[in-house]
């Protein structure tokens, strides 16, 4: 990713100032500068400062050598200690409410002392001398981690961060990663191993990067996921067993269930162990053992050739099954398309019937209005009800043709509105159906292509494993 380089000594940022330690005087000065003004400052000076009320504390550019005297800041949520001389991460465990911590531009060599910061969301450690990612297990809420310009040398060590399921942004730019880990491989590697990560070194991990990562590292990720799942299951099973054992101990019946008592009887009986040690080895392990111990080169080659044939047959069978599955899915999608088309057509027909009724109601409404209008025209012509009508309305009803034209235009507008809404409903229903089917087809096509690539990668992986015996 970048050439190896030493993190610059922090003294170049601070001149020749003498390093200091965090003490009571320094903290009082910082709190007064940052958190109190005018009357509040006067009261604080007279009655004392309550550190447990402080929410933010900024101590950057103060030539601090060691973190200390922070145990009273129990409510602190944000702490800034960047650009100092700090060599060791310490004195932080009491800050149980801390969500934001900046220790960039210091001389820190090891990540440690974070066990109590279980609410920490943002951790900035850029421009230090850190060479290994470790001791962060308790940071379950971590979303942003900056480790740029440190001394990290192994991408595999960064995989440690997979345990942080909420990690959103990671910056490890400027670390002496080996030259063979070019930027593209570096980016693809991280994208493959961190499914939840959105930004790496300020680069958005888009769908194209994700697809390339999946193709390149799918088998490795599946193997790692399987291992993590097994470890998680083992931890959960161990937790259940411990809880069950505790319940049994509370009832004074521990190790009385199952075969515990029987096993304890024979635990130190070596002769019984011999009698119970029956021969038998798993068939697959036996074949591998035989292959490793073969002395005859011709027989070894014959066995390897047979394995190659089996791998090719396995690949062929998997491809056949995938082709059958894809064909079956095509037929299923076609049937689904027919069914959803019938449903859409039925829906549209029902809706169109409702709109027919709407037009009938509008026609009936128009006739009723027309009849009322004609009556009104006659009354106006006779001079009746003139006082009951506004002037503009009375002027409208002085001319029968004008009234007729107005009613016709109003009726046409009403009918057009109903027709437009009908067209919109039918069109949108049809568009929804088309988009739905296309989405399903595209998803199935992507799945098919990924499975074909997986089959080829798996076959290549098996062939690679087989080469170890040649």
Protein backbone atom coordinates (compact mmCIF):
# COMPACT_ATOMS: atom_id res chain seq x y z
CA UNK A 1 0.00 0.00 0.00
CA UNK A 2 2.80 2.40 0.90
CA UNK A 3 6.53 2.42 1.48
CA UNK A 4 7.79 1.59 4.95
CA UNK A 5 8.49 4.66 7.02
CA UNK A 6 9.03 5.68 10.61
CA UNK A 7 6.41 7.72 12.38
CA UNK A 8 7.94 11.18 13.02
CA UNK A 9 8.92 12.06 16.57
CA UNK A 10 6.29 14.26 18.14
CA UNK A 11 8.84 16.78 19.30
CA UNK A 12 8.95 18.21 15.81
CA UNK A 13 5.40 19.45 16.41
CA UNK A 14 6.05 20.96 19.80
CA UNK A 15 9.43 22.57 19.49
CA UNK A 16 11.77 22.22 22.45
CA UNK A 17 9.09 22.54 25.16
CA UNK A 18 9.58 20.37 28.21
CA UNK A 19 7.16 17.36 28.39
CA UNK A 20 4.59 17.55 31.20
CA UNK A 21 2.19 15.18 32.96
CA UNK A 22 -1.56 15.42 33.44
CA UNK A 23 -2.06 16.82 36.93
CA UNK A 24 -4.73 18.67 38.94
CA UNK A 25 -3.55 22.12 37.85
CA UNK A 26 -3.55 21.19 34.17
CA UNK A 27 -7.04 19.68 34.37
CA UNK A 28 -8.50 22.68 36.20
CA UNK A 29 -7.04 25.01 33.63
CA UNK A 30 -8.38 22.91 30.74
CA UNK A 31 -11.89 22.58 32.20
CA UNK A 32 -12.12 26.29 32.94
CA UNK A 33 -10.91 27.17 29.44
CA UNK A 34 -13.27 24.84 27.63
CA UNK A 35 -16.37 24.45 29.74
CA UNK A 36 -17.00 27.49 31.94
CA UNK A 37 -17.52 31.19 31.27
CA UNK A 38 -18.06 34.38 33.30
CA UNK A 39 -20.23 33.74 36.39
CA UNK A 40 -19.90 29.94 36.18
CA UNK A 41 -16.10 30.27 36.12
CA UNK A 42 -16.13 32.50 39.23
CA UNK A 43 -18.34 30.05 41.13
CA UNK A 44 -16.17 27.12 40.06
CA UNK A 45 -13.04 28.86 41.32
CA UNK A 46 -14.69 29.59 44.66
CA UNK A 47 -16.44 26.27 45.26
CA UNK A 48 -14.25 23.90 43.25
CA UNK A 49 -14.68 22.15 39.90
CA UNK A 50 -16.83 19.01 39.70
CA UNK A 51 -14.97 16.88 37.17
CA UNK A 52 -17.70 14.26 37.13
CA UNK A 53 -19.98 16.78 35.40
CA UNK A 54 -17.60 17.39 32.47
CA UNK A 55 -18.65 15.83 29.18
CA UNK A 56 -15.77 16.90 26.93
CA UNK A 57 -12.08 17.49 27.54
CA UNK A 58 -9.47 18.65 25.04
CA UNK A 59 -5.77 18.36 25.96
CA UNK A 60 -4.03 18.50 22.58
CA UNK A 61 -0.70 20.31 21.95
CA UNK A 62 0.21 20.41 25.66
CA UNK A 63 3.43 18.33 25.56
CA UNK A 64 1.79 15.66 27.77
CA UNK A 65 4.00 12.64 28.42
CA UNK A 66 1.67 10.45 30.53
CA UNK A 67 -2.11 10.19 30.98
CA UNK A 68 -3.13 10.54 34.62
CA UNK A 69 -5.66 12.07 37.09
CA UNK A 70 -8.71 11.33 34.92
CA UNK A 71 -10.51 8.97 37.32
CA UNK A 72 -13.04 11.63 38.40
CA UNK A 73 -14.23 12.29 34.82
CA UNK A 74 -16.82 9.51 34.96
CA UNK A 75 -19.30 11.34 32.70
CA UNK A 76 -16.77 12.24 30.02
CA UNK A 77 -17.90 11.30 26.50
CA UNK A 78 -15.22 12.94 24.36
CA UNK A 79 -11.47 13.11 25.09
CA UNK A 80 -8.89 14.70 22.80
CA UNK A 81 -5.21 13.97 23.57
CA UNK A 82 -3.69 14.26 20.11
CA UNK A 83 -0.32 15.88 19.35
CA UNK A 84 1.46 15.12 22.62
CA UNK A 85 4.37 12.93 23.81
CA UNK A 86 2.24 10.05 25.15
CA UNK A 87 3.97 6.66 24.93
CA UNK A 88 1.57 4.43 26.83
CA UNK A 89 -2.22 4.10 26.76
CA UNK A 90 -3.14 4.13 30.46
CA UNK A 91 -5.39 5.80 32.98
CA UNK A 92 -8.48 5.49 30.77
CA UNK A 93 -10.41 2.59 32.26
CA UNK A 94 -12.49 4.79 34.57
CA UNK A 95 -13.93 6.72 31.60
CA UNK A 96 -16.79 4.26 31.18
CA UNK A 97 -19.00 6.72 29.26
CA UNK A 98 -16.37 7.69 26.70
CA UNK A 99 -17.60 7.43 23.09
CA UNK A 100 -14.88 9.44 21.29
CA UNK A 101 -11.11 9.20 21.91
CA UNK A 102 -8.34 10.87 19.91
CA UNK A 103 -4.72 9.85 20.63
CA UNK A 104 -3.30 10.63 17.20
CA UNK A 105 0.18 12.14 16.78
CA UNK A 106 1.78 10.63 19.87
CA UNK A 107 4.51 8.01 20.45
CA UNK A 108 2.23 5.08 21.36
CA UNK A 109 3.67 1.66 20.51
CA UNK A 110 0.96 -0.68 21.79
CA UNK A 111 -2.84 -0.69 21.93
CA UNK A 112 -3.81 -1.38 25.55
CA UNK A 113 -5.73 -0.06 28.54
CA UNK A 114 -9.12 0.08 26.79
CA UNK A 115 -10.90 -2.70 28.68
CA UNK A 116 -13.37 -0.36 30.43
CA UNK A 117 -14.35 1.69 27.36
CA UNK A 118 -17.26 -0.48 26.23
CA UNK A 119 -19.22 2.52 24.90
CA UNK A 120 -16.38 3.78 22.69
CA UNK A 121 -17.53 4.43 19.12
CA UNK A 122 -14.69 6.50 17.62
CA UNK A 123 -11.01 5.70 18.21
CA UNK A 124 -8.27 7.72 16.48
CA UNK A 125 -4.71 6.41 16.77
CA UNK A 126 -3.15 7.70 13.57
CA UNK A 127 0.51 8.78 13.43
CA UNK A 128 1.85 6.67 16.28
CA UNK A 129 4.24 3.69 16.39
CA UNK A 130 1.70 0.87 16.66
CA UNK A 131 2.78 -2.35 14.93
CA UNK A 132 0.03 -4.75 16.00
CA UNK A 133 -3.77 -4.54 16.32
CA UNK A 134 -4.73 -6.11 19.65
CA UNK A 135 -6.37 -5.71 23.09
CA UNK A 136 -9.60 -4.19 21.77
CA UNK A 137 -12.03 -7.05 22.44
CA UNK A 138 -14.36 -5.00 24.67
CA UNK A 139 -14.95 -2.19 22.17
CA UNK A 140 -18.20 -3.72 20.94
CA UNK A 141 -19.68 -0.35 19.87
CA UNK A 142 -16.71 0.69 17.71
CA UNK A 143 -17.79 2.28 14.41
CA UNK A 144 -14.79 4.40 13.33
CA UNK A 145 -11.13 3.39 13.71
CA UNK A 146 -8.17 5.41 12.40
CA UNK A 147 -4.74 3.74 12.39
CA UNK A 148 -3.13 5.61 9.52
CA UNK A 149 0.65 6.17 9.46
CA UNK A 150 1.62 3.60 12.05
CA UNK A 151 3.90 0.56 11.74
CA UNK A 152 1.39 -2.16 10.81
CA UNK A 153 3.00 -4.70 8.50
CA UNK A 154 0.51 -7.55 8.12
CA UNK A 155 -2.93 -7.40 6.54
CA UNK A 156 -3.78 -10.67 8.27
CA UNK A 157 -3.44 -8.92 11.62
CA UNK A 158 -6.07 -6.38 10.53
CA UNK A 159 -8.54 -9.30 10.22
CA UNK A 160 -8.68 -9.13 14.02
CA UNK A 161 -11.07 -6.22 13.55
CA UNK A 162 -13.74 -8.49 12.00
CA UNK A 163 -15.15 -9.03 15.48
CA UNK A 164 -16.43 -5.45 15.54
CA UNK A 165 -19.74 -5.88 13.75
CA UNK A 166 -20.57 -2.15 13.86
CA UNK A 167 -17.26 -0.98 12.32
CA UNK A 168 -18.24 1.42 9.56
CA UNK A 169 -15.04 3.31 8.68
CA UNK A 170 -11.43 2.09 8.81
CA UNK A 171 -8.29 4.03 7.92
CA UNK A 172 -4.96 2.13 7.82
CA UNK A 173 -3.34 4.17 5.08
CA UNK A 174 0.37 4.90 5.28
CA UNK A 175 1.40 1.71 7.08
CA UNK A 176 4.41 -0.34 5.84
CA UNK A 177 2.34 -3.14 4.33
CA UNK A 178 4.60 -5.39 2.16
CA UNK A 179 5.02 -4.34 -1.45
CA UNK A 180 3.30 -7.44 -2.82
CA UNK A 181 0.06 -6.18 -1.27
CA UNK A 182 -0.62 -3.67 -4.02
CA UNK A 183 -3.42 -1.16 -3.59
CA UNK A 184 -5.94 -3.21 -5.57
CA UNK A 185 -5.23 -6.40 -3.66
CA UNK A 186 -5.17 -4.44 -0.41
CA UNK A 187 -8.57 -2.92 -1.12
CA UNK A 188 -10.11 -6.20 -2.33
CA UNK A 189 -8.72 -8.09 0.67
CA UNK A 190 -10.28 -5.72 3.20
CA UNK A 191 -13.58 -5.58 1.27
CA UNK A 192 -13.75 -9.38 1.33
CA UNK A 193 -13.03 -9.83 5.01
CA UNK A 194 -15.12 -6.89 6.29
CA UNK A 195 -18.66 -7.26 4.93
CA UNK A 196 -20.10 -4.47 7.13
CA UNK A 197 -17.36 -1.92 6.34
CA UNK A 198 -18.43 1.03 4.16
CA UNK A 199 -15.25 3.14 3.88
CA UNK A 200 -11.58 2.10 3.76
CA UNK A 201 -9.00 4.90 3.71
CA UNK A 202 -11.82 7.28 2.68
CA UNK A 203 -12.70 5.03 -0.30
CA UNK A 204 -16.30 3.86 -0.56
CA UNK A 205 -16.50 0.08 -0.95
CA UNK A 206 -19.06 -0.06 -3.74
CA UNK A 207 -20.83 -3.06 -5.24
CA UNK A 208 -18.18 -3.58 -7.92
CA UNK A 209 -15.43 -3.84 -5.28
CA UNK A 210 -17.60 -6.17 -3.21
CA UNK A 211 -18.22 -8.49 -6.19
CA UNK A 212 -14.51 -8.65 -7.05
CA UNK A 213 -13.71 -9.37 -3.42
CA UNK A 214 -16.31 -12.13 -3.28
CA UNK A 215 -14.93 -13.79 -6.42
CA UNK A 216 -11.32 -13.67 -5.20
CA UNK A 217 -11.72 -14.60 -1.53
CA UNK A 218 -15.05 -16.42 -1.33
CA UNK A 219 -13.59 -19.78 -0.28
CA UNK A 220 -11.29 -18.21 2.31
CA UNK A 221 -14.16 -16.17 3.76
CA UNK A 222 -16.48 -19.17 3.89
CA UNK A 223 -13.79 -21.16 5.68
CA UNK A 224 -13.20 -18.33 8.14
CA UNK A 225 -16.92 -17.81 8.70
CA UNK A 226 -17.31 -21.51 9.36
CA UNK A 227 -14.46 -21.40 11.86
CA UNK A 228 -15.88 -18.35 13.59
CA UNK A 229 -19.32 -19.93 13.70
CA UNK A 230 -17.89 -23.09 15.24
CA UNK A 231 -15.98 -21.09 17.83
CA UNK A 232 -19.09 -19.05 18.61
CA UNK A 233 -21.14 -22.22 18.93
CA UNK A 234 -18.46 -23.74 21.15
CA UNK A 235 -18.50 -20.66 23.39
CA UNK A 236 -22.29 -20.73 23.55
CA UNK A 237 -22.31 -24.46 24.30
CA UNK A 238 -19.69 -23.96 27.01
CA UNK A 239 -21.78 -21.15 28.49
CA UNK A 240 -24.86 -23.39 28.54
CA UNK A 241 -22.91 -26.20 30.15
CA UNK A 242 -21.53 -23.88 32.81
CA UNK A 243 -25.00 -22.53 33.53
CA UNK A 244 -26.39 -26.06 33.75
CA UNK A 245 -23.55 -27.16 36.00
CA UNK A 246 -24.20 -24.18 38.26
CA UNK A 247 -27.88 -25.13 38.55
CA UNK A 248 -26.89 -28.70 39.40
CA UNK A 249 -24.37 -27.52 41.99
CA UNK A 250 -27.03 -25.36 43.57
CA UNK A 251 -29.20 -28.48 43.82
CA UNK A 252 -26.26 -30.64 45.05
CA UNK A 253 -26.60 -33.04 42.09
CA UNK A 254 -23.65 -31.89 39.94
CA UNK A 255 -22.21 -34.48 37.54
CA UNK A 256 -25.05 -36.88 38.25
CA UNK A 257 -26.61 -36.52 34.83
CA UNK A 258 -25.66 -38.40 31.68
CA UNK A 259 -22.44 -40.40 31.70
CA UNK A 260 -20.48 -38.20 34.11
CA UNK A 261 -20.55 -40.71 36.96
CA UNK A 262 -19.67 -43.62 34.68
CA UNK A 263 -16.77 -41.71 33.14
CA UNK A 264 -15.46 -40.74 36.56
CA UNK A 265 -15.45 -44.39 37.61
CA UNK A 266 -13.06 -45.30 34.78
CA UNK A 267 -11.15 -42.01 34.63
CA UNK A 268 -7.98 -43.41 36.20
CA UNK A 269 -8.40 -47.02 35.07
CA UNK A 270 -5.78 -47.30 32.31
CA UNK A 271 -6.52 -50.96 31.63
CA UNK A 272 -10.16 -50.12 30.96
CA UNK A 273 -9.03 -47.38 28.60
CA UNK A 274 -7.08 -49.93 26.60
CA UNK A 275 -10.06 -52.22 26.37
CA UNK A 276 -12.30 -49.40 25.21
CA UNK A 277 -9.83 -48.11 22.57
CA UNK A 278 -11.27 -49.76 19.48
CA UNK A 279 -9.46 -49.53 16.09
CA UNK A 280 -10.93 -47.48 13.27
CA UNK A 281 -9.94 -44.35 11.39
CA UNK A 282 -12.06 -42.09 9.27
CA UNK A 283 -11.99 -43.21 5.62
CA UNK A 284 -10.98 -39.84 4.22
CA UNK A 285 -8.14 -39.37 6.73
CA UNK A 286 -6.95 -42.89 5.99
CA UNK A 287 -6.75 -42.14 2.28
CA UNK A 288 -4.80 -38.95 2.92
CA UNK A 289 -2.43 -40.82 5.23
CA UNK A 290 -1.89 -43.51 2.65
CA UNK A 291 -1.23 -40.89 -0.01
CA UNK A 292 1.36 -39.17 2.18
CA UNK A 293 3.16 -42.42 2.98
CA UNK A 294 3.35 -43.77 -0.54
CA UNK A 295 6.91 -44.59 -1.53
CA UNK A 296 6.34 -45.89 -4.99
CA UNK A 297 6.30 -42.84 -7.29
CA UNK A 298 4.20 -44.63 -9.90
CA UNK A 299 1.56 -45.58 -7.38
CA UNK A 300 1.60 -42.05 -6.00
CA UNK A 301 1.09 -40.65 -9.51
CA UNK A 302 -1.73 -43.11 -10.09
CA UNK A 303 -3.44 -42.05 -6.90
CA UNK A 304 -3.00 -38.37 -7.76
CA UNK A 305 -4.38 -38.96 -11.26
CA UNK A 306 -7.40 -40.69 -9.76
CA UNK A 307 -7.94 -37.74 -7.44
CA UNK A 308 -7.75 -35.38 -10.41
CA UNK A 309 -10.40 -37.44 -12.16
CA UNK A 310 -12.58 -37.35 -9.07
CA UNK A 311 -12.15 -33.58 -8.84
CA UNK A 312 -13.11 -33.22 -12.50
CA UNK A 313 -16.10 -35.48 -11.97
CA UNK A 314 -17.12 -33.50 -8.90
CA UNK A 315 -16.83 -30.26 -10.87
CA UNK A 316 -18.92 -31.76 -13.70
CA UNK A 317 -21.58 -33.01 -11.31
CA UNK A 318 -21.76 -29.65 -9.51
CA UNK A 319 -22.04 -27.82 -12.83
CA UNK A 320 -24.78 -30.25 -13.91
CA UNK A 321 -26.72 -29.67 -10.69
CA UNK A 322 -26.27 -25.91 -11.07
CA UNK A 323 -27.50 -26.05 -14.66
CA UNK A 324 -30.53 -28.08 -13.58
CA UNK A 325 -31.19 -25.64 -10.76
CA UNK A 326 -30.92 -22.67 -13.12
CA UNK A 327 -33.27 -24.33 -15.61
CA UNK A 328 -35.70 -25.15 -12.84
CA UNK A 329 -35.52 -21.56 -11.60
CA UNK A 330 -36.17 -20.27 -15.12
CA UNK A 331 -39.29 -22.43 -15.34
CA UNK A 332 -40.36 -21.37 -11.84
CA UNK A 333 -39.86 -17.70 -12.70
CA UNK A 334 -41.85 -18.19 -15.93
CA UNK A 335 -44.74 -19.75 -13.98
CA UNK A 336 -44.51 -17.01 -11.39
CA UNK A 337 -44.59 -14.44 -14.21
CA UNK A 338 -47.78 -16.03 -15.57
CA UNK A 339 -49.38 -16.10 -12.13
CA UNK A 340 -48.42 -12.55 -11.25
CA UNK A 341 -49.59 -11.41 -14.71
CA UNK A 342 -52.99 -12.99 -14.07
CA UNK A 343 -53.15 -11.33 -10.67
CA UNK A 344 -52.16 -7.97 -12.15
CA UNK A 345 -54.71 -8.33 -14.96
CA UNK A 346 -57.42 -9.27 -12.47
CA UNK A 347 -56.50 -6.30 -10.32
CA UNK A 348 -56.55 -3.95 -13.34
CA UNK A 349 -59.92 -5.31 -14.52
CA UNK A 350 -61.40 -4.83 -11.05
CA UNK A 351 -60.00 -1.32 -10.90
CA UNK A 352 -61.29 -0.49 -14.38
CA UNK A 353 -64.75 -1.68 -13.34
CA UNK A 354 -64.61 0.71 -10.41
CA UNK A 355 -63.61 3.55 -12.72
CA UNK A 356 -66.55 2.71 -15.02
CA UNK A 357 -68.81 3.16 -12.00
CA UNK A 358 -67.02 6.44 -11.22
CA UNK A 359 -67.78 7.71 -14.72
CA UNK A 360 -71.41 6.67 -14.35
CA UNK A 361 -71.63 8.58 -11.07
CA UNK A 362 -70.03 11.59 -12.73
CA UNK A 363 -72.52 11.37 -15.60
CA UNK A 364 -75.40 11.22 -13.13
CA UNK A 365 -73.92 14.13 -11.20
CA UNK A 366 -73.56 16.14 -14.43
CA UNK A 367 -77.18 15.58 -15.39
CA UNK A 368 -78.35 16.64 -11.95
CA UNK A 369 -76.24 19.80 -12.08
CA UNK A 370 -77.46 20.46 -15.61
CA UNK A 371 -81.09 20.24 -14.50
CA UNK A 372 -80.46 22.59 -11.58
CA UNK A 373 -78.64 25.01 -13.89
CA UNK A 374 -81.53 25.08 -16.40
CA UNK A 375 -83.98 25.81 -13.60
CA UNK A 376 -81.75 28.58 -12.34
CA UNK A 377 -81.49 30.11 -15.84
CA UNK A 378 -85.28 30.23 -16.07
CA UNK A 379 -85.60 31.81 -12.61
CA UNK A 380 -83.00 34.46 -13.45
CA UNK A 381 -84.76 35.16 -16.74
CA UNK A 382 -87.99 35.73 -14.80
CA UNK A 383 -86.24 37.92 -12.26
CA UNK A 384 -86.75 35.46 -9.47
CA UNK A 385 -84.14 34.64 -6.78
CA UNK A 386 -81.84 37.46 -7.95
CA UNK A 387 -81.17 38.49 -4.35
CA UNK A 388 -80.13 34.94 -3.42
CA UNK A 389 -77.28 34.72 -5.99
CA UNK A 390 -73.89 36.49 -5.97
CA UNK A 391 -73.40 38.98 -8.78
CA UNK A 392 -70.86 36.86 -10.70
CA UNK A 393 -73.10 33.81 -10.52
CA UNK A 394 -76.16 35.79 -11.60
CA UNK A 395 -74.20 37.17 -14.60
CA UNK A 396 -73.26 33.60 -15.58
CA UNK A 397 -76.88 32.51 -15.65
CA UNK A 398 -78.01 35.40 -17.86
CA UNK A 399 -76.97 33.42 -20.95
CA UNK A 400 -78.12 29.82 -21.31
CA UNK A 401 -75.43 28.97 -23.90
CA UNK A 402 -72.69 30.14 -21.54
CA UNK A 403 -74.10 27.97 -18.76
CA UNK A 404 -74.27 24.98 -21.09
CA UNK A 405 -70.66 25.46 -22.24
CA UNK A 406 -69.46 25.85 -18.64
CA UNK A 407 -71.22 22.67 -17.53
CA UNK A 408 -69.85 20.74 -20.50
CA UNK A 409 -66.27 21.89 -19.82
CA UNK A 410 -66.62 20.97 -16.14
CA UNK A 411 -67.97 17.53 -17.04
CA UNK A 412 -65.14 16.91 -19.52
CA UNK A 413 -62.55 17.85 -16.89
CA UNK A 414 -64.09 15.47 -14.38
CA UNK A 415 -64.15 12.59 -16.84
CA UNK A 416 -60.57 13.32 -17.93
CA UNK A 417 -59.38 13.26 -14.31
CA UNK A 418 -61.03 9.87 -13.79
CA UNK A 419 -59.54 8.53 -17.04
CA UNK A 420 -56.05 9.78 -16.16
CA UNK A 421 -56.19 8.15 -12.74
CA UNK A 422 -57.35 4.90 -14.31
CA UNK A 423 -54.48 4.97 -16.80
CA UNK A 424 -51.99 5.77 -14.03
CA UNK A 425 -53.17 2.87 -11.89
CA UNK A 426 -53.07 0.31 -14.72
CA UNK A 427 -49.70 1.56 -15.98
CA UNK A 428 -48.08 1.50 -12.55
CA UNK A 429 -49.41 -2.00 -11.84
CA UNK A 430 -47.94 -3.25 -15.10
CA UNK A 431 -44.62 -1.47 -14.46
CA UNK A 432 -44.46 -3.00 -10.98
CA UNK A 433 -44.96 -6.46 -12.41
CA UNK A 434 -42.27 -5.97 -15.07
CA UNK A 435 -39.77 -4.60 -12.52
CA UNK A 436 -40.51 -7.44 -10.12
CA UNK A 437 -39.90 -10.16 -12.70
CA UNK A 438 -36.79 -8.45 -14.04
CA UNK A 439 -35.39 -8.09 -10.54
CA UNK A 440 -35.94 -11.79 -9.86
CA UNK A 441 -34.37 -12.75 -13.18
CA UNK A 442 -31.34 -10.52 -12.59
CA UNK A 443 -30.87 -11.88 -9.07
CA UNK A 444 -31.01 -15.46 -10.30
CA UNK A 445 -28.57 -14.69 -13.12
CA UNK A 446 -26.09 -13.17 -10.66
CA UNK A 447 -26.49 -16.14 -8.34
CA UNK A 448 -25.88 -18.55 -11.22
CA UNK A 449 -22.73 -16.75 -12.31
CA UNK A 450 -21.40 -16.60 -8.75
CA UNK A 451 -22.06 -20.32 -8.20
CA UNK A 452 -20.29 -21.24 -11.42
CA UNK A 453 -17.31 -19.15 -10.35
CA UNK A 454 -17.46 -20.80 -6.90
CA UNK A 455 -17.40 -24.27 -8.44
CA UNK A 456 -14.35 -23.45 -10.54
CA UNK A 457 -12.57 -21.86 -7.58
CA UNK A 458 -13.34 -24.85 -5.39
CA UNK A 459 -12.01 -27.25 -8.02
CA UNK A 460 -8.85 -25.14 -8.33
CA UNK A 461 -8.51 -25.15 -4.56
CA UNK A 462 -8.73 -28.96 -4.45
CA UNK A 463 -6.18 -29.25 -7.24
CA UNK A 464 -3.89 -26.92 -5.34
CA UNK A 465 -4.20 -29.06 -2.23
CA UNK A 466 -3.47 -32.15 -4.32
CA UNK A 467 -0.26 -30.61 -5.67
CA UNK A 468 1.17 -30.75 -2.15
CA UNK A 469 1.34 -34.55 -2.45
CA UNK A 470 3.13 -34.59 -5.79
